[in-house]
Amino acid sequence: MYTPKGEVNRKFLRMLYREQILEEMNSCKNRDELSAVMEKYSVKISEEEARDSLAVILSYLEEETQQKLLSE
């Protein structure tokens, strides 16, 4: 999915909306465990794609947080 700040993998984004998956990802202690969780839920994207998608998502979250702080 294209955004003005960069490309976000749709499968990765959909995965982030599922609380159970996030909990499992959060409990991972290394990359292999994280890859296993992603494969378990059929999210077959490269580590680079996941990292790039996450960077774009985080940039939007940071911007939203800054806007909220400025409005207070």
PDB file of N, CA and C in Angstrom:
ATOM      1  N   MET A   1       0.856  -1.162   0.000  1.00  0.00           N
ATOM      2  CA  MET A   1       0.000   0.000   0.000  1.00  0.00           C
ATOM      3  C   MET A   1       0.908   1.232   0.000  1.00  0.00           C
ATOM      4  N   TYR A   2       0.699   2.102  -0.960  1.00  0.00           N
ATOM      5  CA  TYR A   2       1.517   3.306  -1.050  1.00  0.00           C
ATOM      6  C   TYR A   2       0.976   4.379  -0.118  1.00  0.00           C
ATOM      7  N   THR A   3       1.884   5.049   0.568  1.00  0.00           N
ATOM      8  CA  THR A   3       1.542   6.226   1.359  1.00  0.00           C
ATOM      9  C   THR A   3       2.528   7.321   0.970  1.00  0.00           C
ATOM     10  N   PRO A   4       2.224   8.574   1.261  1.00  0.00           N
ATOM     11  CA  PRO A   4       3.170   9.643   0.943  1.00  0.00           C
ATOM     12  C   PRO A   4       4.531   9.468   1.627  1.00  0.00           C
ATOM     13  N   LYS A   5       4.563   8.749   2.740  1.00  0.00           N
ATOM     14  CA  LYS A   5       5.825   8.560   3.460  1.00  0.00           C
ATOM     15  C   LYS A   5       6.561   7.294   3.049  1.00  0.00           C
ATOM     16  N   GLY A   6       5.943   6.470   2.230  1.00  0.00           N
ATOM     17  CA  GLY A   6       6.591   5.241   1.776  1.00  0.00           C
ATOM     18  C   GLY A   6       5.611   4.095   1.636  1.00  0.00           C
ATOM     19  N   GLU A   7       6.151   2.958   1.271  1.00  0.00           N
ATOM     20  CA  GLU A   7       5.345   1.764   1.010  1.00  0.00           C
ATOM     21  C   GLU A   7       5.133   0.959   2.290  1.00  0.00           C
ATOM     22  N   VAL A   8       3.892   0.494   2.503  1.00  0.00           N
ATOM     23  CA  VAL A   8       3.567  -0.362   3.644  1.00  0.00           C
ATOM     24  C   VAL A   8       2.992  -1.659   3.088  1.00  0.00           C
ATOM     25  N   ASN A   9       3.561  -2.781   3.495  1.00  0.00           N
ATOM     26  CA  ASN A   9       3.077  -4.081   3.052  1.00  0.00           C
ATOM     27  C   ASN A   9       1.707  -4.346   3.668  1.00  0.00           C
ATOM     28  N   ARG A  10       0.713  -4.611   2.843  1.00  0.00           N
ATOM     29  CA  ARG A  10      -0.663  -4.807   3.318  1.00  0.00           C
ATOM     30  C   ARG A  10      -0.785  -5.988   4.279  1.00  0.00           C
ATOM     31  N   LYS A  11      -0.105  -7.087   3.982  1.00  0.00           N
ATOM     32  CA  LYS A  11      -0.173  -8.258   4.861  1.00  0.00           C
ATOM     33  C   LYS A  11       0.376  -7.918   6.241  1.00  0.00           C
ATOM     34  N   PHE A  12       1.475  -7.190   6.255  1.00  0.00           N
ATOM     35  CA  PHE A  12       2.089  -6.799   7.523  1.00  0.00           C
ATOM     36  C   PHE A  12       1.153  -5.880   8.299  1.00  0.00           C
ATOM     37  N   LEU A  13       0.539  -4.934   7.621  1.00  0.00           N
ATOM     38  CA  LEU A  13      -0.371  -3.995   8.271  1.00  0.00           C
ATOM     39  C   LEU A  13      -1.581  -4.722   8.854  1.00  0.00           C
ATOM     40  N   ARG A  14      -2.175  -5.631   8.087  1.00  0.00           N
ATOM     41  CA  ARG A  14      -3.318  -6.402   8.589  1.00  0.00           C
ATOM     42  C   ARG A  14      -2.936  -7.219   9.813  1.00  0.00           C
ATOM     43  N   MET A  15      -1.728  -7.746   9.806  1.00  0.00           N
ATOM     44  CA  MET A  15      -1.249  -8.539  10.930  1.00  0.00           C
ATOM     45  C   MET A  15      -1.194  -7.695  12.206  1.00  0.00           C
ATOM     46  N   LEU A  16      -0.830  -6.443  12.086  1.00  0.00           N
ATOM     47  CA  LEU A  16      -0.690  -5.574  13.253  1.00  0.00           C
ATOM     48  C   LEU A  16      -2.019  -5.233  13.909  1.00  0.00           C
ATOM     49  N   TYR A  17      -3.119  -5.470  13.212  1.00  0.00           N
ATOM     50  CA  TYR A  17      -4.440  -5.207  13.780  1.00  0.00           C
ATOM     51  C   TYR A  17      -4.950  -6.358  14.643  1.00  0.00           C
ATOM     52  N   ARG A  18      -4.232  -7.464  14.661  1.00  0.00           N
ATOM     53  CA  ARG A  18      -4.672  -8.626  15.431  1.00  0.00           C
ATOM     54  C   ARG A  18      -3.890  -8.703  16.734  1.00  0.00           C
ATOM     55  N   GLU A  19      -4.591  -8.523  17.838  1.00  0.00           N
ATOM     56  CA  GLU A  19      -3.966  -8.450  19.161  1.00  0.00           C
ATOM     57  C   GLU A  19      -3.191  -9.719  19.512  1.00  0.00           C
ATOM     58  N   GLN A  20      -3.731 -10.866  19.172  1.00  0.00           N
ATOM     59  CA  GLN A  20      -3.070 -12.132  19.485  1.00  0.00           C
ATOM     60  C   GLN A  20      -1.699 -12.208  18.813  1.00  0.00           C
ATOM     61  N   ILE A  21      -1.641 -11.782  17.568  1.00  0.00           N
ATOM     62  CA  ILE A  21      -0.370 -11.813  16.843  1.00  0.00           C
ATOM     63  C   ILE A  21       0.614 -10.843  17.472  1.00  0.00           C
ATOM     64  N   LEU A  22       0.151  -9.654  17.825  1.00  0.00           N
ATOM     65  CA  LEU A  22       1.031  -8.670  18.456  1.00  0.00           C
ATOM     66  C   LEU A  22       1.600  -9.197  19.765  1.00  0.00           C
ATOM     67  N   GLU A  23       0.775  -9.871  20.547  1.00  0.00           N
ATOM     68  CA  GLU A  23       1.250 -10.437  21.807  1.00  0.00           C
ATOM     69  C   GLU A  23       2.327 -11.482  21.560  1.00  0.00           C
ATOM     70  N   GLU A  24       2.110 -12.329  20.563  1.00  0.00           N
ATOM     71  CA  GLU A  24       3.118 -13.340  20.240  1.00  0.00           C
ATOM     72  C   GLU A  24       4.404 -12.693  19.732  1.00  0.00           C
ATOM     73  N   MET A  25       4.267 -11.668  18.897  1.00  0.00           N
ATOM     74  CA  MET A  25       5.454 -10.973  18.393  1.00  0.00           C
ATOM     75  C   MET A  25       6.215 -10.314  19.535  1.00  0.00           C
ATOM     76  N   ASN A  26       5.490  -9.738  20.468  1.00  0.00           N
ATOM     77  CA  ASN A  26       6.103  -9.056  21.598  1.00  0.00           C
ATOM     78  C   ASN A  26       6.878 -10.020  22.495  1.00  0.00           C
ATOM     79  N   SER A  27       6.459 -11.271  22.541  1.00  0.00           N
ATOM     80  CA  SER A  27       7.126 -12.246  23.402  1.00  0.00           C
ATOM     81  C   SER A  27       8.358 -12.870  22.750  1.00  0.00           C
ATOM     82  N   CYS A  28       8.602 -12.578  21.488  1.00  0.00           N
ATOM     83  CA  CYS A  28       9.754 -13.152  20.785  1.00  0.00           C
ATOM     84  C   CYS A  28      11.060 -12.614  21.357  1.00  0.00           C
ATOM     85  N   LYS A  29      12.031 -13.510  21.461  1.00  0.00           N
ATOM     86  CA  LYS A  29      13.329 -13.133  22.018  1.00  0.00           C
ATOM     87  C   LYS A  29      14.399 -12.943  20.945  1.00  0.00           C
ATOM     88  N   ASN A  30      14.112 -13.382  19.723  1.00  0.00           N
ATOM     89  CA  ASN A  30      15.088 -13.226  18.644  1.00  0.00           C
ATOM     90  C   ASN A  30      14.378 -13.230  17.289  1.00  0.00           C
ATOM     91  N   ARG A  31      15.151 -12.996  16.244  1.00  0.00           N
ATOM     92  CA  ARG A  31      14.586 -12.896  14.892  1.00  0.00           C
ATOM     93  C   ARG A  31      13.951 -14.203  14.428  1.00  0.00           C
ATOM     94  N   ASP A  32      14.561 -15.322  14.813  1.00  0.00           N
ATOM     95  CA  ASP A  32      14.020 -16.614  14.390  1.00  0.00           C
ATOM     96  C   ASP A  32      12.621 -16.835  14.950  1.00  0.00           C
ATOM     97  N   GLU A  33      12.429 -16.491  16.213  1.00  0.00           N
ATOM     98  CA  GLU A  33      11.106 -16.630  16.822  1.00  0.00           C
ATOM     99  C   GLU A  33      10.103 -15.703  16.137  1.00  0.00           C
ATOM    100  N   LEU A  34      10.531 -14.493  15.833  1.00  0.00           N
ATOM    101  CA  LEU A  34       9.654 -13.540  15.150  1.00  0.00           C
ATOM    102  C   LEU A  34       9.281 -14.047  13.757  1.00  0.00           C
ATOM    103  N   SER A  35      10.248 -14.577  13.044  1.00  0.00           N
ATOM    104  CA  SER A  35       9.972 -15.137  11.715  1.00  0.00           C
ATOM    105  C   SER A  35       8.987 -16.293  11.806  1.00  0.00           C
ATOM    106  N   ALA A  36       9.128 -17.116  12.847  1.00  0.00           N
ATOM    107  CA  ALA A  36       8.217 -18.251  13.033  1.00  0.00           C
ATOM    108  C   ALA A  36       6.786 -17.771  13.268  1.00  0.00           C
ATOM    109  N   VAL A  37       6.624 -16.705  14.043  1.00  0.00           N
ATOM    110  CA  VAL A  37       5.286 -16.155  14.290  1.00  0.00           C
ATOM    111  C   VAL A  37       4.692 -15.636  12.987  1.00  0.00           C
ATOM    112  N   MET A  38       5.489 -14.923  12.225  1.00  0.00           N
ATOM    113  CA  MET A  38       4.989 -14.371  10.968  1.00  0.00           C
ATOM    114  C   MET A  38       4.612 -15.489   9.998  1.00  0.00           C
ATOM    115  N   GLU A  39       5.412 -16.543   9.942  1.00  0.00           N
ATOM    116  CA  GLU A  39       5.097 -17.676   9.067  1.00  0.00           C
ATOM    117  C   GLU A  39       3.844 -18.401   9.547  1.00  0.00           C
ATOM    118  N   LYS A  40       3.705 -18.519  10.866  1.00  0.00           N
ATOM    119  CA  LYS A  40       2.537 -19.185  11.449  1.00  0.00           C
ATOM    120  C   LYS A  40       1.243 -18.534  10.963  1.00  0.00           C
ATOM    121  N   TYR A  41       1.257 -17.232  10.826  1.00  0.00           N
ATOM    122  CA  TYR A  41       0.072 -16.492  10.398  1.00  0.00           C
ATOM    123  C   TYR A  41       0.113 -16.144   8.909  1.00  0.00           C
ATOM    124  N   SER A  42       0.935 -16.857   8.172  1.00  0.00           N
ATOM    125  CA  SER A  42       1.020 -16.724   6.706  1.00  0.00           C
ATOM    126  C   SER A  42       1.391 -15.326   6.249  1.00  0.00           C
ATOM    127  N   VAL A  43       2.226 -14.664   7.001  1.00  0.00           N
ATOM    128  CA  VAL A  43       2.724 -13.353   6.594  1.00  0.00           C
ATOM    129  C   VAL A  43       4.125 -13.582   6.036  1.00  0.00           C
ATOM    130  N   LYS A  44       4.178 -13.844   4.739  1.00  0.00           N
ATOM    131  CA  LYS A  44       5.444 -14.192   4.104  1.00  0.00           C
ATOM    132  C   LYS A  44       6.022 -12.970   3.406  1.00  0.00           C
ATOM    133  N   ILE A  45       6.717 -12.172   4.184  1.00  0.00           N
ATOM    134  CA  ILE A  45       7.412 -11.013   3.634  1.00  0.00           C
ATOM    135  C   ILE A  45       8.830 -11.048   4.174  1.00  0.00           C
ATOM    136  N   SER A  46       9.717 -10.376   3.492  1.00  0.00           N
ATOM    137  CA  SER A  46      11.111 -10.374   3.923  1.00  0.00           C
ATOM    138  C   SER A  46      11.279  -9.506   5.167  1.00  0.00           C
ATOM    139  N   GLU A  47      12.372  -9.743   5.851  1.00  0.00           N
ATOM    140  CA  GLU A  47      12.675  -8.941   7.036  1.00  0.00           C
ATOM    141  C   GLU A  47      12.811  -7.473   6.652  1.00  0.00           C
ATOM    142  N   GLU A  48      13.384  -7.234   5.491  1.00  0.00           N
ATOM    143  CA  GLU A  48      13.559  -5.853   5.018  1.00  0.00           C
ATOM    144  C   GLU A  48      12.205  -5.181   4.760  1.00  0.00           C
ATOM    145  N   GLU A  49      11.271  -5.912   4.140  1.00  0.00           N
ATOM    146  CA  GLU A  49       9.934  -5.358   3.900  1.00  0.00           C
ATOM    147  C   GLU A  49       9.231  -5.035   5.216  1.00  0.00           C
ATOM    148  N   ALA A  50       9.350  -5.943   6.177  1.00  0.00           N
ATOM    149  CA  ALA A  50       8.725  -5.718   7.483  1.00  0.00           C
ATOM    150  C   ALA A  50       9.338  -4.500   8.162  1.00  0.00           C
ATOM    151  N   ARG A  51      10.658  -4.391   8.112  1.00  0.00           N
ATOM    152  CA  ARG A  51      11.350  -3.265   8.743  1.00  0.00           C
ATOM    153  C   ARG A  51      10.960  -1.947   8.080  1.00  0.00           C
ATOM    154  N   ASP A  52      10.920  -1.934   6.746  1.00  0.00           N
ATOM    155  CA  ASP A  52      10.552  -0.715   6.020  1.00  0.00           C
ATOM    156  C   ASP A  52       9.102  -0.313   6.301  1.00  0.00           C
ATOM    157  N   SER A  53       8.209  -1.299   6.324  1.00  0.00           N
ATOM    158  CA  SER A  53       6.798  -1.022   6.612  1.00  0.00           C
ATOM    159  C   SER A  53       6.640  -0.458   8.014  1.00  0.00           C
ATOM    160  N   LEU A  54       7.334  -1.063   8.959  1.00  0.00           N
ATOM    161  CA  LEU A  54       7.250  -0.602  10.341  1.00  0.00           C
ATOM    162  C   LEU A  54       7.789   0.819  10.484  1.00  0.00           C
ATOM    163  N   ALA A  55       8.844   1.144   9.764  1.00  0.00           N
ATOM    164  CA  ALA A  55       9.406   2.497   9.820  1.00  0.00           C
ATOM    165  C   ALA A  55       8.387   3.526   9.330  1.00  0.00           C
ATOM    166  N   VAL A  56       7.660   3.203   8.267  1.00  0.00           N
ATOM    167  CA  VAL A  56       6.642   4.120   7.743  1.00  0.00           C
ATOM    168  C   VAL A  56       5.511   4.286   8.754  1.00  0.00           C
ATOM    169  N   ILE A  57       5.049   3.172   9.313  1.00  0.00           N
ATOM    170  CA  ILE A  57       3.968   3.216  10.300  1.00  0.00           C
ATOM    171  C   ILE A  57       4.391   4.037  11.513  1.00  0.00           C
ATOM    172  N   LEU A  58       5.606   3.819  11.989  1.00  0.00           N
ATOM    173  CA  LEU A  58       6.097   4.568  13.153  1.00  0.00           C
ATOM    174  C   LEU A  58       6.208   6.057  12.867  1.00  0.00           C
ATOM    175  N   SER A  59       6.577   6.426  11.646  1.00  0.00           N
ATOM    176  CA  SER A  59       6.677   7.854  11.318  1.00  0.00           C
ATOM    177  C   SER A  59       5.304   8.515  11.402  1.00  0.00           C
ATOM    178  N   TYR A  60       4.254   7.811  10.987  1.00  0.00           N
ATOM    179  CA  TYR A  60       2.899   8.349  11.115  1.00  0.00           C
ATOM    180  C   TYR A  60       2.488   8.456  12.582  1.00  0.00           C
ATOM    181  N   LEU A  61       2.829   7.457  13.381  1.00  0.00           N
ATOM    182  CA  LEU A  61       2.488   7.499  14.807  1.00  0.00           C
ATOM    183  C   LEU A  61       3.210   8.634  15.520  1.00  0.00           C
ATOM    184  N   GLU A  62       4.481   8.856  15.178  1.00  0.00           N
ATOM    185  CA  GLU A  62       5.238   9.957  15.778  1.00  0.00           C
ATOM    186  C   GLU A  62       4.613  11.298  15.409  1.00  0.00           C
ATOM    187  N   GLU A  63       4.232  11.446  14.154  1.00  0.00           N
ATOM    188  CA  GLU A  63       3.609  12.695  13.699  1.00  0.00           C
ATOM    189  C   GLU A  63       2.290  12.933  14.431  1.00  0.00           C
ATOM    190  N   GLU A  64       1.492  11.882  14.577  1.00  0.00           N
ATOM    191  CA  GLU A  64       0.214  11.995  15.276  1.00  0.00           C
ATOM    192  C   GLU A  64       0.426  12.379  16.738  1.00  0.00           C
ATOM    193  N   THR A  65       1.420  11.792  17.368  1.00  0.00           N
ATOM    194  CA  THR A  65       1.728  12.102  18.764  1.00  0.00           C
ATOM    195  C   THR A  65       2.156  13.559  18.912  1.00  0.00           C
ATOM    196  N   GLN A  66       3.006  14.034  18.013  1.00  0.00           N
ATOM    197  CA  GLN A  66       3.453  15.425  18.065  1.00  0.00           C
ATOM    198  C   GLN A  66       2.278  16.383  17.893  1.00  0.00           C
ATOM    199  N   GLN A  67       1.370  16.061  16.990  1.00  0.00           N
ATOM    200  CA  GLN A  67       0.209  16.926  16.770  1.00  0.00           C
ATOM    201  C   GLN A  67      -0.674  16.984  18.011  1.00  0.00           C
ATOM    202  N   LYS A  68      -0.841  15.853  18.681  1.00  0.00           N
ATOM    203  CA  LYS A  68      -1.643  15.827  19.904  1.00  0.00           C
ATOM    204  C   LYS A  68      -0.985  16.652  20.997  1.00  0.00           C
ATOM    205  N   LEU A  69       0.337  16.543  21.123  1.00  0.00           N
ATOM    206  CA  LEU A  69       1.049  17.309  22.146  1.00  0.00           C
ATOM    207  C   LEU A  69       0.952  18.807  21.884  1.00  0.00           C
ATOM    208  N   LEU A  70       1.045  19.195  20.627  1.00  0.00           N
ATOM    209  CA  LEU A  70       0.966  20.613  20.281  1.00  0.00           C
ATOM    210  C   LEU A  70      -0.436  21.176  20.493  1.00  0.00           C
ATOM    211  N   SER A  71      -1.443  20.342  20.358  1.00  0.00           N
ATOM    212  CA  SER A  71      -2.810  20.823  20.521  1.00  0.00           C
ATOM    213  C   SER A  71      -3.220  20.946  21.987  1.00  0.00           C
ATOM    214  N   GLU A  72      -2.449  20.361  22.880  1.00  0.00           N
ATOM    215  CA  GLU A  72      -2.797  20.421  24.316  1.00  0.00           C
ATOM    216  C   GLU A  72      -2.326  21.687  24.968  1.00  0.00           C
TER     217      GLU A  72
END
